[in-house]
Protein backbone atom coordinates (compact mmCIF):
# COMPACT_ATOMS: atom_id res chain seq x y z
CA UNK A 1 102.13 -77.65 11.40
CA UNK A 2 104.12 -77.74 14.65
CA UNK A 3 106.23 -75.26 16.56
CA UNK A 4 110.01 -75.61 16.82
CA UNK A 5 112.29 -73.76 19.21
CA UNK A 6 115.47 -72.67 17.42
CA UNK A 7 118.80 -71.04 18.11
CA UNK A 8 120.69 -69.56 15.17
CA UNK A 9 123.50 -67.16 14.36
CA UNK A 10 123.88 -64.63 11.60
CA UNK A 11 127.07 -64.33 9.61
CA UNK A 12 128.48 -61.75 12.02
CA UNK A 13 128.21 -64.30 14.83
CA UNK A 14 125.22 -62.78 16.65
CA UNK A 15 123.02 -65.47 18.22
CA UNK A 16 119.23 -65.22 18.16
CA UNK A 17 116.53 -67.51 19.56
CA UNK A 18 112.88 -67.91 18.71
CA UNK A 19 109.95 -70.15 17.85
CA UNK A 20 108.87 -71.08 14.31
CA UNK A 21 106.05 -73.23 12.98
CA UNK A 22 106.81 -75.69 10.18
CA UNK A 23 105.93 -79.19 9.00
CA UNK A 24 109.37 -80.58 9.91
CA UNK A 25 112.82 -79.52 11.09
CA UNK A 26 113.99 -79.28 7.48
CA UNK A 27 111.44 -76.53 6.92
CA UNK A 28 112.83 -74.58 9.88
CA UNK A 29 116.38 -74.99 8.55
CA UNK A 30 115.35 -73.76 5.08
CA UNK A 31 113.52 -70.72 6.44
CA UNK A 32 116.45 -69.81 8.70
CA UNK A 33 118.80 -69.98 5.73
CA UNK A 34 116.44 -67.72 3.77
CA UNK A 35 116.52 -65.24 6.66
CA UNK A 36 120.33 -65.22 6.62
CA UNK A 37 120.84 -67.35 9.73
CA UNK A 38 122.95 -70.41 10.42
CA UNK A 39 120.94 -72.92 12.53
CA UNK A 40 122.67 -73.95 15.75
CA UNK A 41 119.93 -75.90 17.50
CA UNK A 42 116.33 -76.87 16.71
CA UNK A 43 114.20 -78.36 19.48
CA UNK A 44 111.82 -81.23 18.88
CA UNK A 45 108.13 -80.28 18.68
CA UNK A 46 107.35 -81.97 22.00
CA UNK A 47 110.01 -79.93 23.75
CA UNK A 48 108.82 -76.73 22.15
CA UNK A 49 105.25 -77.56 23.07
CA UNK A 50 106.30 -78.15 26.65
CA UNK A 51 108.03 -74.81 26.79
CA UNK A 52 105.12 -73.03 25.20
CA UNK A 53 102.71 -74.67 27.61
CA UNK A 54 104.89 -73.63 30.53
CA UNK A 55 104.96 -70.10 29.21
CA UNK A 56 101.33 -69.50 30.11
CA UNK A 57 102.86 -67.88 33.14
CA UNK A 58 106.35 -66.47 33.21
CA UNK A 59 106.96 -68.01 36.60
CA UNK A 60 105.04 -71.28 36.44
CA UNK A 61 106.79 -74.03 38.46
CA UNK A 62 109.62 -71.70 39.47
CA UNK A 63 111.54 -72.03 42.73
CA UNK A 64 111.16 -68.34 43.53
CA UNK A 65 107.92 -66.36 43.64
CA UNK A 66 107.33 -63.30 41.52
CA UNK A 67 107.27 -61.05 44.57
CA UNK A 68 110.59 -62.42 45.86
CA UNK A 69 112.16 -61.82 42.44
CA UNK A 70 110.69 -58.29 42.37
CA UNK A 71 112.19 -57.47 45.78
CA UNK A 72 115.57 -58.87 44.70
CA UNK A 73 115.48 -56.75 41.52
CA UNK A 74 114.51 -53.58 43.37
CA UNK A 75 117.18 -54.06 46.04
CA UNK A 76 119.91 -54.87 43.51
CA UNK A 77 118.97 -51.77 41.50
CA UNK A 78 119.13 -49.62 44.65
CA UNK A 79 122.53 -50.97 45.69
CA UNK A 80 124.05 -50.51 42.23
CA UNK A 81 122.61 -47.00 41.93
CA UNK A 82 124.22 -46.17 45.30
CA UNK A 83 127.63 -47.00 43.82
CA UNK A 84 128.26 -50.46 45.30
CA UNK A 85 130.15 -52.91 43.06
CA UNK A 86 128.17 -55.85 41.70
CA UNK A 87 129.89 -58.49 43.84
CA UNK A 88 129.41 -56.42 46.98
CA UNK A 89 125.72 -55.89 46.13
CA UNK A 90 125.19 -59.63 45.63
CA UNK A 91 126.98 -60.33 48.91
CA UNK A 92 124.57 -58.02 50.73
CA UNK A 93 121.53 -59.54 49.01
CA UNK A 94 122.64 -63.08 49.82
CA UNK A 95 121.83 -62.25 53.45
CA UNK A 96 118.65 -60.28 52.72
CA UNK A 97 116.61 -62.47 50.37
CA UNK A 98 113.97 -64.73 51.88
CA UNK A 99 113.92 -68.47 51.42
CA UNK A 100 116.80 -70.91 51.63
CA UNK A 101 116.56 -71.85 47.96
CA UNK A 102 116.86 -68.24 46.82
CA UNK A 103 119.76 -67.61 49.23
CA UNK A 104 121.62 -70.53 47.65
CA UNK A 105 120.97 -69.20 44.15
CA UNK A 106 122.21 -65.69 45.03
CA UNK A 107 125.25 -67.24 46.72
CA UNK A 108 126.06 -69.14 43.51
CA UNK A 109 125.61 -65.95 41.48
CA UNK A 110 128.12 -64.24 43.75
CA UNK A 111 130.66 -67.06 43.34
CA UNK A 112 130.29 -67.09 39.55
CA UNK A 113 130.56 -63.30 39.24
CA UNK A 114 133.71 -63.28 41.40
CA UNK A 115 135.08 -66.05 39.17
CA UNK A 116 134.79 -63.71 36.17
CA UNK A 117 131.40 -64.56 34.71
CA UNK A 118 128.93 -61.90 33.68
CA UNK A 119 125.76 -61.61 35.76
CA UNK A 120 123.59 -62.51 32.74
CA UNK A 121 125.57 -65.69 32.05
CA UNK A 122 125.41 -66.67 35.72
CA UNK A 123 121.64 -66.12 35.82
CA UNK A 124 121.13 -68.11 32.61
CA UNK A 125 122.29 -71.22 34.50
CA UNK A 126 119.34 -70.80 36.89
CA UNK A 127 116.46 -70.74 34.41
CA UNK A 128 114.07 -72.05 37.08
CA UNK A 129 114.57 -68.77 38.96
CA UNK A 130 115.34 -66.14 36.30
CA UNK A 131 113.10 -66.17 33.20
CA UNK A 132 114.54 -65.83 29.72
CA UNK A 133 113.25 -62.26 29.42
CA UNK A 134 115.00 -61.33 32.68
CA UNK A 135 118.31 -62.84 31.58
CA UNK A 136 118.24 -61.17 28.16
CA UNK A 137 117.60 -57.76 29.67
CA UNK A 138 120.41 -58.22 32.20
CA UNK A 139 122.80 -59.17 29.39
CA UNK A 140 121.77 -56.11 27.37
CA UNK A 141 122.25 -53.88 30.41
CA UNK A 142 125.72 -55.27 31.06
CA UNK A 143 126.82 -54.89 27.45
CA UNK A 144 125.56 -51.28 27.40
CA UNK A 145 126.88 -50.38 30.86
CA UNK A 146 123.40 -49.47 32.11
CA UNK A 147 122.65 -52.41 34.39
CA UNK A 148 121.06 -50.29 37.12
CA UNK A 149 118.69 -48.69 34.59
CA UNK A 150 117.73 -52.09 33.17
CA UNK A 151 117.00 -53.32 36.68
CA UNK A 152 114.63 -50.36 37.15
CA UNK A 153 112.82 -51.30 33.93
CA UNK A 154 112.60 -54.91 35.14
CA UNK A 155 111.18 -53.75 38.46
CA UNK A 156 108.47 -51.75 36.68
CA UNK A 157 107.69 -54.72 34.44
CA UNK A 158 107.39 -57.13 37.37
CA UNK A 159 105.29 -54.68 39.40
CA UNK A 160 102.78 -54.27 36.59
CA UNK A 161 102.63 -58.01 35.91
CA UNK A 162 102.03 -58.80 39.57
CA UNK A 163 99.46 -55.99 39.94
CA UNK A 164 97.44 -57.26 36.98
CA UNK A 165 97.42 -60.84 38.29
CA UNK A 166 96.41 -59.67 41.76
CA UNK A 167 93.55 -57.61 40.31
CA UNK A 168 92.26 -60.60 38.36
CA UNK A 169 92.59 -62.92 41.37
CA UNK A 170 90.78 -60.55 43.70
CA UNK A 171 87.96 -60.04 41.19
CA UNK A 172 87.47 -63.78 40.70
CA UNK A 173 87.75 -64.78 44.37
CA UNK A 174 84.09 -64.19 45.25
CA UNK A 175 82.63 -66.04 42.22
CA UNK A 176 84.96 -68.99 42.88
CA UNK A 177 83.95 -69.13 46.57
CA UNK A 178 80.28 -68.84 45.60
CA UNK A 179 80.58 -71.66 43.05
CA UNK A 180 82.37 -73.86 45.58
CA UNK A 181 79.67 -73.27 48.20
CA UNK A 182 76.97 -74.04 45.63
CA UNK A 183 78.56 -77.34 44.61
CA UNK A 184 79.15 -78.41 48.22
CA UNK A 185 75.56 -77.50 49.12
CA UNK A 186 74.16 -79.61 46.29
CA UNK A 187 76.40 -82.55 47.22
CA UNK A 188 75.19 -82.28 50.84
CA UNK A 189 71.55 -82.19 49.71
CA UNK A 190 71.77 -85.16 47.35
CA UNK A 191 74.06 -87.34 49.47
CA UNK A 192 72.75 -86.64 52.99
CA UNK A 193 69.43 -84.74 53.09
CA UNK A 194 67.37 -86.32 50.29
CA UNK A 195 68.20 -89.93 51.34
CA UNK A 196 66.59 -89.08 54.71
CA UNK A 197 63.38 -88.18 52.89
CA UNK A 198 63.71 -91.25 50.69
CA UNK A 199 63.64 -93.40 53.83
CA UNK A 200 60.29 -91.84 54.76
CA UNK A 201 58.79 -92.56 51.32
CA UNK A 202 60.33 -96.00 50.71
CA UNK A 203 57.10 -97.90 51.44
CA UNK A 204 54.92 -95.47 49.47
CA UNK A 205 54.60 -96.54 45.84
CA UNK A 206 52.08 -94.03 44.53
CA UNK A 207 51.00 -90.49 45.20
CA UNK A 208 54.45 -88.93 45.55
CA UNK A 209 54.85 -85.92 43.21
CA UNK A 210 56.88 -86.57 40.08
CA UNK A 211 59.58 -84.00 40.96
CA UNK A 212 60.15 -85.60 44.36
CA UNK A 213 60.41 -89.09 42.80
CA UNK A 214 62.91 -87.77 40.26
CA UNK A 215 65.08 -86.12 42.93
CA UNK A 216 65.00 -89.25 45.09
CA UNK A 217 66.04 -91.36 42.11
CA UNK A 218 68.83 -88.95 41.22
CA UNK A 219 70.04 -88.92 44.82
CA UNK A 220 70.04 -92.73 44.91
CA UNK A 221 72.00 -92.86 41.66
CA UNK A 222 74.59 -90.38 42.96
CA UNK A 223 74.96 -92.26 46.24
CA UNK A 224 75.46 -95.64 44.54
CA UNK A 225 77.24 -94.72 41.31
CA UNK A 226 78.75 -91.33 42.03
CA UNK A 227 82.23 -92.86 42.08
CA UNK A 228 81.68 -94.05 38.50
CA UNK A 229 80.84 -90.51 37.39
CA UNK A 230 83.91 -89.19 39.19
CA UNK A 231 86.04 -91.83 37.49
CA UNK A 232 84.74 -90.86 34.04
CA UNK A 233 85.30 -87.18 34.83
CA UNK A 234 88.87 -87.94 35.92
CA UNK A 235 89.58 -90.01 32.80
CA UNK A 236 88.06 -87.34 30.56
CA UNK A 237 90.01 -84.53 32.23
CA UNK A 238 93.24 -86.54 31.96
CA UNK A 239 92.61 -87.21 28.27
CA UNK A 240 91.93 -83.54 27.59
CA UNK A 241 95.08 -82.54 29.49
CA UNK A 242 97.23 -84.93 27.43
CA UNK A 243 95.63 -83.70 24.20
CA UNK A 244 96.31 -80.07 25.13
CA UNK A 245 99.97 -80.92 25.70
CA UNK A 246 100.30 -82.07 22.08
CA UNK A 247 101.15 -79.44 19.42
CA UNK A 248 97.79 -79.79 17.67
CA UNK A 249 95.85 -79.86 20.93
CA UNK A 250 97.66 -76.82 22.26
CA UNK A 251 96.87 -74.91 19.08
CA UNK A 252 93.16 -75.84 19.29
CA UNK A 253 93.03 -74.94 22.96
CA UNK A 254 94.62 -71.54 22.34
CA UNK A 255 92.23 -70.87 19.45
CA UNK A 256 89.26 -71.81 21.64
CA UNK A 257 90.42 -69.52 24.44
CA UNK A 258 90.58 -66.51 22.11
CA UNK A 259 87.12 -67.23 20.65
CA UNK A 260 85.29 -68.52 23.72
CA UNK A 261 81.95 -66.97 24.54
CA UNK A 262 82.03 -64.44 27.36
CA UNK A 263 85.80 -64.75 28.10
CA UNK A 264 87.39 -64.73 24.63
CA UNK A 265 87.83 -60.96 24.47
CA UNK A 266 89.26 -60.96 27.99
CA UNK A 267 91.83 -63.63 27.05
CA UNK A 268 92.78 -61.65 23.94
CA UNK A 269 93.31 -58.47 25.97
CA UNK A 270 95.46 -60.31 28.50
CA UNK A 271 97.68 -61.72 25.74
CA UNK A 272 98.00 -58.37 23.95
CA UNK A 273 98.94 -56.64 27.22
CA UNK A 274 101.55 -59.35 27.96
CA UNK A 275 103.01 -59.09 24.44
CA UNK A 276 103.25 -55.29 24.54
CA UNK A 277 104.60 -55.14 28.09
CA UNK A 278 107.25 -57.79 27.45
CA UNK A 279 108.44 -56.40 24.12
CA UNK A 280 108.45 -52.85 25.46
CA UNK A 281 110.48 -53.88 28.52
CA UNK A 282 113.04 -55.69 26.36
CA UNK A 283 113.44 -52.73 24.01
CA UNK A 284 113.77 -50.31 26.93
CA UNK A 285 116.44 -52.61 28.36
CA UNK A 286 118.49 -52.29 25.19
CA UNK A 287 117.72 -55.68 23.64
CA UNK A 288 117.72 -55.49 19.79
CA UNK A 289 114.29 -55.86 18.19
CA UNK A 290 115.03 -59.21 16.49
CA UNK A 291 116.33 -60.74 19.72
CA UNK A 292 113.43 -59.24 21.67
CA UNK A 293 110.87 -60.77 19.30
CA UNK A 294 112.52 -64.18 19.70
CA UNK A 295 112.29 -63.87 23.48
CA UNK A 296 108.66 -62.73 23.38
CA UNK A 297 107.69 -65.84 21.40
CA UNK A 298 108.76 -67.98 24.34
CA UNK A 299 106.96 -65.75 26.86
CA UNK A 300 103.46 -65.33 25.41
CA UNK A 301 101.15 -68.11 26.48
CA UNK A 302 99.13 -68.39 23.28
CA UNK A 303 100.46 -70.47 20.39
CA UNK A 304 98.55 -68.48 17.75
CA UNK A 305 100.09 -65.23 18.95
CA UNK A 306 103.53 -66.87 19.09
CA UNK A 307 103.06 -67.86 15.45
CA UNK A 308 102.14 -64.27 14.54
CA UNK A 309 105.26 -62.98 16.32
CA UNK A 310 107.38 -65.48 14.37
CA UNK A 311 106.05 -63.92 11.17
CA UNK A 312 106.85 -60.47 12.54
CA UNK A 313 110.42 -61.60 13.18
CA UNK A 314 110.77 -62.76 9.57
CA UNK A 315 109.40 -59.46 8.21
CA UNK A 316 111.61 -57.35 10.48
CA UNK A 317 114.62 -59.37 9.33
CA UNK A 318 113.64 -58.51 5.77
CA UNK A 319 113.52 -54.81 6.67
CA UNK A 320 109.72 -54.55 6.84
CA UNK A 321 107.50 -53.36 9.67
CA UNK A 322 105.67 -55.18 12.46
CA UNK A 323 102.13 -54.03 11.78
CA UNK A 324 101.56 -56.01 8.53
CA UNK A 325 101.95 -59.55 9.92
CA UNK A 326 100.19 -58.61 13.17
CA UNK A 327 97.22 -57.35 11.14
CA UNK A 328 97.19 -60.47 8.95
CA UNK A 329 96.99 -62.68 12.03
CA UNK A 330 93.61 -61.15 12.96
CA UNK A 331 94.49 -61.54 16.66
CA UNK A 332 95.37 -57.98 17.62
CA UNK A 333 92.78 -55.22 18.20
CA UNK A 334 92.84 -52.29 15.74
CA UNK A 335 93.75 -49.80 18.47
CA UNK A 336 96.86 -51.79 19.44
CA UNK A 337 97.90 -52.06 15.78
CA UNK A 338 97.42 -48.31 15.26
CA UNK A 339 99.48 -47.44 18.35
CA UNK A 340 102.30 -49.80 17.30
CA UNK A 341 102.30 -48.27 13.80
CA UNK A 342 102.56 -44.77 15.29
CA UNK A 343 105.39 -45.93 17.55
CA UNK A 344 107.33 -47.28 14.58
CA UNK A 345 106.78 -44.13 12.51
CA UNK A 346 107.88 -41.82 15.31
CA UNK A 347 110.79 -43.97 16.52
CA UNK A 348 109.19 -44.38 19.95
CA UNK A 349 108.16 -48.01 19.68
CA UNK A 350 109.14 -49.03 23.22
CA UNK A 351 107.21 -46.12 24.77
CA UNK A 352 104.14 -46.82 22.63
CA UNK A 353 104.24 -50.52 23.55
CA UNK A 354 104.23 -49.53 27.20
CA UNK A 355 101.16 -47.36 26.52
CA UNK A 356 99.48 -50.31 24.77
CA UNK A 357 100.20 -52.54 27.78
CA UNK A 358 98.84 -49.96 30.24
CA UNK A 359 95.71 -49.43 28.16
CA UNK A 360 94.90 -53.13 27.93
CA UNK A 361 95.76 -53.66 31.59
CA UNK A 362 92.95 -51.23 32.36
CA UNK A 363 90.69 -52.93 29.82
CA UNK A 364 91.37 -56.30 31.50
CA UNK A 365 90.45 -54.84 34.89
CA UNK A 366 87.21 -53.37 33.54
CA UNK A 367 86.32 -56.55 31.64
CA UNK A 368 86.99 -58.69 34.71
CA UNK A 369 84.83 -56.42 36.86
CA UNK A 370 81.99 -56.57 34.32
CA UNK A 371 82.26 -60.34 34.06
CA UNK A 372 82.20 -60.91 37.81
CA UNK A 373 79.37 -58.42 38.34
CA UNK A 374 77.34 -60.36 35.77
CA UNK A 375 78.26 -63.83 37.08
CA UNK A 376 77.56 -63.15 40.74
CA UNK A 377 73.77 -62.54 40.49
CA UNK A 378 73.42 -65.35 37.93
CA UNK A 379 75.14 -67.79 40.28
CA UNK A 380 73.18 -66.62 43.32
CA UNK A 381 69.84 -66.88 41.51
CA UNK A 382 70.78 -70.24 39.98
CA UNK A 383 71.86 -71.69 43.33
CA UNK A 384 68.69 -70.36 44.96
CA UNK A 385 66.48 -71.89 42.27
CA UNK A 386 68.13 -75.32 42.50
CA UNK A 387 68.11 -75.49 46.29
CA UNK A 388 64.61 -74.00 46.43
CA UNK A 389 63.35 -76.59 43.94
CA UNK A 390 64.77 -79.41 46.06
CA UNK A 391 63.30 -78.05 49.30
CA UNK A 392 59.86 -77.29 47.82
CA UNK A 393 59.71 -80.71 46.11
CA UNK A 394 60.49 -82.52 49.36
CA UNK A 395 58.02 -80.44 51.39
CA UNK A 396 55.33 -80.97 48.75
CA UNK A 397 55.95 -84.72 48.96
CA UNK A 398 55.61 -84.63 52.75
CA UNK A 399 52.37 -82.67 52.60
CA UNK A 400 51.04 -85.08 49.98
CA UNK A 401 51.22 -87.93 52.50
CA UNK A 402 48.09 -86.56 54.17
CA UNK A 403 46.19 -86.98 50.90
CA UNK A 404 47.09 -90.65 50.49
CA UNK A 405 44.35 -93.20 51.19
CA UNK A 406 44.86 -94.97 54.53
């Protein structure tokens, strides 16, 4: 099974986009016909895989940072709320945004809007700056005449996304620094310090403690053949990277991430929070549920969850609810499923999705804090044991020289 990106239209002319898994393009065509759609475009599996891989982050390889886009969104919302026309607001922002590349993009938006294009259509031509979710919400806001309100929802969405990433980064900074220092310390010991001791013991054939002989041999091997190990590591990492870029490899990688020891639950919570936040933001922005589900498939970073959302889209098209296919996937926590079910029953799905996202944002923060608080002492003790073993072994070897027969 592979994923295919599709664009289709229903018989009223409404265009929808999404991702669907199938054995071949013919299978996608048949399923779209069964759903009442006319296929317009179906992307090859490699293209879909590339998009899905790039969707691990909404802004991966983009010309404009998340914070710059957030500031642009907030300022545009403020100007429109103050009563300024769209072209005048863009003209003001063209001089306010930071970065030459972003200034050029805003300048082109201004030209295209003055030429009669809608803002959403103009932004769609700059997909390396404005994500698909962003463009869809802008289009919905324009069609409903509530562009300033949609921009406020987008600002809230971006603020929460950035805050969550910053929390995770700050929590992981110390363990990463500690691991880096540990690796550099070991390299220094085995490449520079231990060879100095080896020079002292080079003429001594017997009497050196076993641990010291083993460390000297390991140090010699690293000094002479370390480049071979690095070459094998590089080749292995490159092979794994290419495998992950394939449809099957991506699927296996995403499955492993959700089931990995120690971090699997954290990855699951991050994906659930992203799904709920994105879908809730789209629905608040006025995007129809079917279109919103198609957009979310291209935003979530996990292929298994994208497949579950594709099944949700099929069921919703058939007039059924979301909770059934999400439950069948086995990927969503019971609490999230219960809250979504309540949201559907009460007609407050977008608000409940926002609550789900906020809840799992907090869970991610707590899980990250627990993980780092557990890793830090383990890494410190481990680094101390390794370095202490090296130092004690070398000192023991030096002291043993006095016991050798002269």
